[in-house]
Each structure stands twice: as C-alpha cells, then as structure tokens.
Amino acid sequence: MAKSANQLWMDFKNASNQANRLEEIAGKIENTSRRELTGNLNQLSSCWKSDSSTAFRKKGQNTSDNLLSVAKNLREAAAVIRTAAKNTYDAEMEAVRLANARSYK
C-alpha cells in the first residue's frame, strides 16, 4: 500500500529529528572532551609532576582526540541521514504527484 503525502512528511520529519539527535549527542561529546576532559587533564598536570603524569596526560589527550573523532563521525552521519531523507522524500512526493495526475480512461 502506498504511503500518503502526510505519512511521507512524517517519515521525513522523523529522520530529520533523528539527525538532530545525533547532532545533539555530538555536541555533548565535544563539550565533554574539550571542556571537562581537557580541563581536568590540565588541572591534573599542574598538580602532578612525574614521568607517569606525562604518560597519563598523553593517554588522556588521545582519549579526547578519539571523542572528537566520534563527534565528527556522528555529525557526518547526521548529514547523510538528512540528505537521504530529503532525497527520498522528494522522490516519493514526485511519485505521489505522478500517481495523482494519472488518469485511467
């Protein structure tokens, strides 16, 4: 059974909302990495001076970099979802338009 224009719009909005949610999660991950993790590492470095503190700081920085990479990937996934949803919506709406314009004599 074919979907109605309203159903297609709801599917499009649902996909857009999911992409927005990915963007929100990416933002939270970025904030955690940039503010909290990096800030804590900086504070720790000022108090802890040793070879092991340097190694710990490097591992912490690698973790921060990995989190930023995850956030970037989530933003890219959100962009792909938006593009796919828009293309699918446009194609399906064109199919609805053509079906409605068809006349059977």
N, C-alpha and C. Protein backbone atom coordinates (compact mmCIF):
# COMPACT_ATOMS: atom_id res chain seq x y z
N MET A 1 0.84 -1.17 0.00
CA MET A 1 0.00 0.00 0.00
C MET A 1 0.89 1.24 0.00
N ALA A 2 0.57 2.17 -0.84
CA ALA A 2 1.37 3.39 -0.98
C ALA A 2 1.14 4.30 0.22
N LYS A 3 2.17 5.04 0.53
CA LYS A 3 2.08 5.99 1.64
C LYS A 3 1.45 7.28 1.15
N SER A 4 0.75 7.93 2.05
CA SER A 4 0.16 9.22 1.72
C SER A 4 1.22 10.31 1.87
N ALA A 5 0.91 11.48 1.34
CA ALA A 5 1.83 12.62 1.46
C ALA A 5 2.09 12.94 2.93
N ASN A 6 1.07 12.82 3.76
CA ASN A 6 1.25 13.08 5.19
C ASN A 6 2.17 12.06 5.84
N GLN A 7 2.03 10.80 5.47
CA GLN A 7 2.91 9.77 6.00
C GLN A 7 4.35 10.01 5.56
N LEU A 8 4.52 10.41 4.30
CA LEU A 8 5.87 10.70 3.79
C LEU A 8 6.49 11.86 4.55
N TRP A 9 5.68 12.89 4.81
CA TRP A 9 6.17 14.05 5.57
C TRP A 9 6.57 13.63 6.98
N MET A 10 5.77 12.80 7.61
CA MET A 10 6.09 12.34 8.97
C MET A 10 7.38 11.51 8.98
N ASP A 11 7.56 10.67 7.97
CA ASP A 11 8.81 9.90 7.86
C ASP A 11 10.00 10.83 7.70
N PHE A 12 9.84 11.84 6.87
CA PHE A 12 10.92 12.82 6.65
C PHE A 12 11.24 13.56 7.95
N LYS A 13 10.21 14.02 8.65
CA LYS A 13 10.43 14.73 9.91
C LYS A 13 11.06 13.83 10.96
N ASN A 14 10.66 12.57 10.99
CA ASN A 14 11.24 11.62 11.94
C ASN A 14 12.73 11.44 11.67
N ALA A 15 13.10 11.27 10.40
CA ALA A 15 14.51 11.14 10.05
C ALA A 15 15.28 12.41 10.40
N SER A 16 14.68 13.55 10.15
CA SER A 16 15.32 14.84 10.49
C SER A 16 15.51 14.96 11.99
N ASN A 17 14.52 14.55 12.75
CA ASN A 17 14.64 14.59 14.21
C ASN A 17 15.75 13.67 14.71
N GLN A 18 15.87 12.51 14.10
CA GLN A 18 16.94 11.59 14.48
C GLN A 18 18.32 12.19 14.16
N ALA A 19 18.42 12.86 13.01
CA ALA A 19 19.67 13.53 12.65
C ALA A 19 19.98 14.64 13.66
N ASN A 20 18.95 15.37 14.07
CA ASN A 20 19.14 16.41 15.08
C ASN A 20 19.63 15.82 16.39
N ARG A 21 19.08 14.67 16.74
CA ARG A 21 19.51 14.00 17.99
C ARG A 21 20.98 13.60 17.90
N LEU A 22 21.41 13.11 16.76
CA LEU A 22 22.83 12.79 16.58
C LEU A 22 23.70 14.03 16.74
N GLU A 23 23.23 15.15 16.19
CA GLU A 23 23.96 16.42 16.33
C GLU A 23 24.06 16.82 17.81
N GLU A 24 22.98 16.66 18.55
CA GLU A 24 22.99 16.99 19.97
C GLU A 24 24.01 16.12 20.73
N ILE A 25 23.99 14.84 20.43
CA ILE A 25 24.92 13.92 21.08
C ILE A 25 26.36 14.29 20.73
N ALA A 26 26.59 14.61 19.46
CA ALA A 26 27.94 15.02 19.04
C ALA A 26 28.38 16.26 19.80
N GLY A 27 27.48 17.22 19.97
CA GLY A 27 27.81 18.43 20.72
C GLY A 27 28.16 18.13 22.17
N LYS A 28 27.42 17.24 22.79
CA LYS A 28 27.70 16.86 24.17
C LYS A 28 29.06 16.16 24.29
N ILE A 29 29.35 15.31 23.33
CA ILE A 29 30.64 14.62 23.33
C ILE A 29 31.78 15.64 23.16
N GLU A 30 31.60 16.58 22.24
CA GLU A 30 32.62 17.61 22.03
C GLU A 30 32.82 18.44 23.29
N ASN A 31 31.73 18.85 23.93
CA ASN A 31 31.86 19.63 25.16
C ASN A 31 32.57 18.86 26.25
N THR A 32 32.22 17.59 26.39
CA THR A 32 32.87 16.76 27.39
C THR A 32 34.36 16.65 27.11
N SER A 33 34.70 16.44 25.87
CA SER A 33 36.10 16.30 25.50
C SER A 33 36.87 17.59 25.69
N ARG A 34 36.32 18.68 25.15
CA ARG A 34 37.05 19.95 25.16
C ARG A 34 37.09 20.61 26.54
N ARG A 35 35.97 20.63 27.20
CA ARG A 35 35.90 21.35 28.46
C ARG A 35 36.29 20.50 29.66
N GLU A 36 35.56 19.42 29.82
CA GLU A 36 35.74 18.63 31.04
C GLU A 36 37.02 17.81 31.03
N LEU A 37 37.19 16.98 30.01
CA LEU A 37 38.36 16.11 29.99
C LEU A 37 39.65 16.90 29.87
N THR A 38 39.71 17.81 28.92
CA THR A 38 40.93 18.60 28.73
C THR A 38 41.18 19.48 29.95
N GLY A 39 40.13 20.07 30.49
CA GLY A 39 40.29 20.89 31.69
C GLY A 39 40.81 20.09 32.86
N ASN A 40 40.26 18.90 33.05
CA ASN A 40 40.73 18.05 34.14
C ASN A 40 42.18 17.61 33.93
N LEU A 41 42.53 17.32 32.70
CA LEU A 41 43.92 16.94 32.41
C LEU A 41 44.87 18.10 32.68
N ASN A 42 44.46 19.30 32.31
CA ASN A 42 45.30 20.47 32.57
C ASN A 42 45.48 20.70 34.06
N GLN A 43 44.40 20.57 34.81
CA GLN A 43 44.46 20.75 36.25
C GLN A 43 45.33 19.68 36.89
N LEU A 44 45.18 18.46 36.43
CA LEU A 44 45.98 17.37 36.95
C LEU A 44 47.46 17.58 36.66
N SER A 45 47.77 18.06 35.46
CA SER A 45 49.16 18.30 35.08
C SER A 45 49.82 19.36 35.96
N SER A 46 49.04 20.33 36.39
CA SER A 46 49.62 21.38 37.22
C SER A 46 49.92 20.89 38.63
N CYS A 47 49.27 19.81 39.05
CA CYS A 47 49.46 19.28 40.40
C CYS A 47 50.36 18.05 40.45
N TRP A 48 50.43 17.32 39.36
CA TRP A 48 51.13 16.04 39.35
C TRP A 48 52.30 16.13 38.39
N LYS A 49 53.49 16.11 38.92
CA LYS A 49 54.71 16.22 38.11
C LYS A 49 55.52 14.94 38.23
N SER A 50 55.54 14.17 37.16
CA SER A 50 56.36 12.96 37.09
C SER A 50 56.29 12.41 35.68
N ASP A 51 57.12 11.38 35.43
CA ASP A 51 57.08 10.74 34.11
C ASP A 51 55.72 10.09 33.86
N SER A 52 55.17 9.51 34.89
CA SER A 52 53.87 8.85 34.73
C SER A 52 52.76 9.87 34.47
N SER A 53 52.90 11.07 34.99
CA SER A 53 51.88 12.09 34.73
C SER A 53 51.89 12.48 33.25
N THR A 54 53.09 12.53 32.66
CA THR A 54 53.20 12.84 31.23
C THR A 54 52.54 11.75 30.40
N ALA A 55 52.79 10.50 30.76
CA ALA A 55 52.19 9.37 30.04
C ALA A 55 50.66 9.40 30.20
N PHE A 56 50.21 9.68 31.41
CA PHE A 56 48.77 9.75 31.65
C PHE A 56 48.14 10.88 30.84
N ARG A 57 48.82 12.00 30.79
CA ARG A 57 48.32 13.16 30.02
C ARG A 57 48.21 12.80 28.54
N LYS A 58 49.21 12.11 28.00
CA LYS A 58 49.16 11.71 26.59
C LYS A 58 47.99 10.77 26.33
N LYS A 59 47.77 9.82 27.23
CA LYS A 59 46.64 8.91 27.06
C LYS A 59 45.31 9.66 27.15
N GLY A 60 45.26 10.60 28.07
CA GLY A 60 44.05 11.41 28.19
C GLY A 60 43.81 12.24 26.95
N GLN A 61 44.88 12.78 26.38
CA GLN A 61 44.75 13.58 25.16
C GLN A 61 44.31 12.70 23.99
N ASN A 62 44.84 11.49 23.93
CA ASN A 62 44.40 10.55 22.89
C ASN A 62 42.91 10.23 23.03
N THR A 63 42.46 10.06 24.26
CA THR A 63 41.04 9.81 24.51
C THR A 63 40.21 11.00 24.05
N SER A 64 40.68 12.20 24.38
CA SER A 64 39.98 13.41 23.96
C SER A 64 39.91 13.49 22.43
N ASP A 65 41.01 13.21 21.77
CA ASP A 65 41.04 13.22 20.31
C ASP A 65 40.08 12.19 19.72
N ASN A 66 40.04 11.01 20.34
CA ASN A 66 39.12 9.96 19.88
C ASN A 66 37.67 10.39 20.05
N LEU A 67 37.36 11.04 21.16
CA LEU A 67 36.00 11.53 21.37
C LEU A 67 35.62 12.58 20.32
N LEU A 68 36.55 13.46 20.01
CA LEU A 68 36.28 14.46 18.98
C LEU A 68 36.06 13.81 17.62
N SER A 69 36.78 12.73 17.36
CA SER A 69 36.60 12.00 16.10
C SER A 69 35.21 11.34 16.06
N VAL A 70 34.78 10.79 17.18
CA VAL A 70 33.45 10.19 17.26
C VAL A 70 32.39 11.26 17.01
N ALA A 71 32.56 12.42 17.61
CA ALA A 71 31.61 13.52 17.42
C ALA A 71 31.56 13.93 15.95
N LYS A 72 32.71 14.01 15.33
CA LYS A 72 32.76 14.37 13.90
C LYS A 72 32.02 13.33 13.07
N ASN A 73 32.24 12.05 13.37
CA ASN A 73 31.56 10.98 12.64
C ASN A 73 30.05 11.03 12.84
N LEU A 74 29.61 11.37 14.04
CA LEU A 74 28.18 11.49 14.29
C LEU A 74 27.58 12.64 13.48
N ARG A 75 28.30 13.75 13.39
CA ARG A 75 27.83 14.88 12.59
C ARG A 75 27.75 14.50 11.10
N GLU A 76 28.74 13.75 10.64
CA GLU A 76 28.72 13.30 9.25
C GLU A 76 27.55 12.35 9.01
N ALA A 77 27.29 11.46 9.96
CA ALA A 77 26.15 10.54 9.84
C ALA A 77 24.85 11.32 9.80
N ALA A 78 24.74 12.34 10.62
CA ALA A 78 23.53 13.17 10.63
C ALA A 78 23.34 13.84 9.27
N ALA A 79 24.42 14.31 8.68
CA ALA A 79 24.33 14.95 7.36
C ALA A 79 23.88 13.95 6.30
N VAL A 80 24.39 12.73 6.37
CA VAL A 80 23.99 11.69 5.42
C VAL A 80 22.51 11.35 5.59
N ILE A 81 22.07 11.26 6.84
CA ILE A 81 20.66 10.96 7.10
C ILE A 81 19.78 12.06 6.53
N ARG A 82 20.17 13.31 6.75
CA ARG A 82 19.38 14.43 6.23
C ARG A 82 19.31 14.40 4.70
N THR A 83 20.44 14.15 4.07
CA THR A 83 20.47 14.10 2.61
C THR A 83 19.61 12.96 2.08
N ALA A 84 19.77 11.78 2.67
CA ALA A 84 18.98 10.62 2.23
C ALA A 84 17.50 10.85 2.47
N ALA A 85 17.16 11.42 3.61
CA ALA A 85 15.75 11.67 3.91
C ALA A 85 15.15 12.67 2.93
N LYS A 86 15.88 13.73 2.63
CA LYS A 86 15.39 14.75 1.69
C LYS A 86 15.23 14.15 0.30
N ASN A 87 16.25 13.41 -0.17
CA ASN A 87 16.16 12.80 -1.50
C ASN A 87 15.01 11.80 -1.59
N THR A 88 14.84 11.00 -0.55
CA THR A 88 13.76 10.02 -0.53
C THR A 88 12.41 10.72 -0.50
N TYR A 89 12.30 11.74 0.34
CA TYR A 89 11.04 12.48 0.42
C TYR A 89 10.69 13.10 -0.93
N ASP A 90 11.67 13.76 -1.55
CA ASP A 90 11.41 14.40 -2.85
C ASP A 90 10.99 13.37 -3.90
N ALA A 91 11.67 12.23 -3.94
CA ALA A 91 11.34 11.20 -4.92
C ALA A 91 9.95 10.62 -4.67
N GLU A 92 9.65 10.35 -3.41
CA GLU A 92 8.35 9.78 -3.07
C GLU A 92 7.22 10.78 -3.35
N MET A 93 7.46 12.05 -3.06
CA MET A 93 6.43 13.06 -3.33
C MET A 93 6.21 13.21 -4.84
N GLU A 94 7.26 13.09 -5.61
CA GLU A 94 7.11 13.12 -7.07
C GLU A 94 6.30 11.92 -7.54
N ALA A 95 6.53 10.77 -6.93
CA ALA A 95 5.75 9.58 -7.28
C ALA A 95 4.28 9.77 -6.92
N VAL A 96 4.01 10.39 -5.79
CA VAL A 96 2.63 10.68 -5.40
C VAL A 96 2.01 11.65 -6.40
N ARG A 97 2.75 12.67 -6.77
CA ARG A 97 2.24 13.65 -7.74
C ARG A 97 1.90 12.98 -9.06
N LEU A 98 2.81 12.12 -9.54
CA LEU A 98 2.56 11.42 -10.80
C LEU A 98 1.37 10.47 -10.70
N ALA A 99 1.25 9.80 -9.57
CA ALA A 99 0.12 8.88 -9.38
C ALA A 99 -1.20 9.64 -9.36
N ASN A 100 -1.20 10.80 -8.74
CA ASN A 100 -2.43 11.60 -8.67
C ASN A 100 -2.77 12.22 -10.02
N ALA A 101 -1.76 12.47 -10.84
CA ALA A 101 -2.01 13.08 -12.15
C ALA A 101 -2.44 12.04 -13.19
N ARG A 102 -2.20 10.78 -12.90
CA ARG A 102 -2.53 9.72 -13.83
C ARG A 102 -4.04 9.60 -14.00
N SER A 103 -4.44 9.42 -15.21
CA SER A 103 -5.87 9.20 -15.42
C SER A 103 -6.07 7.90 -16.20
N TYR A 104 -7.00 7.15 -15.75
CA TYR A 104 -7.31 5.89 -16.41
C TYR A 104 -8.62 6.06 -17.16
N LYS A 105 -8.55 5.91 -18.47
CA LYS A 105 -9.74 6.09 -19.30
C LYS A 105 -10.32 4.78 -19.70
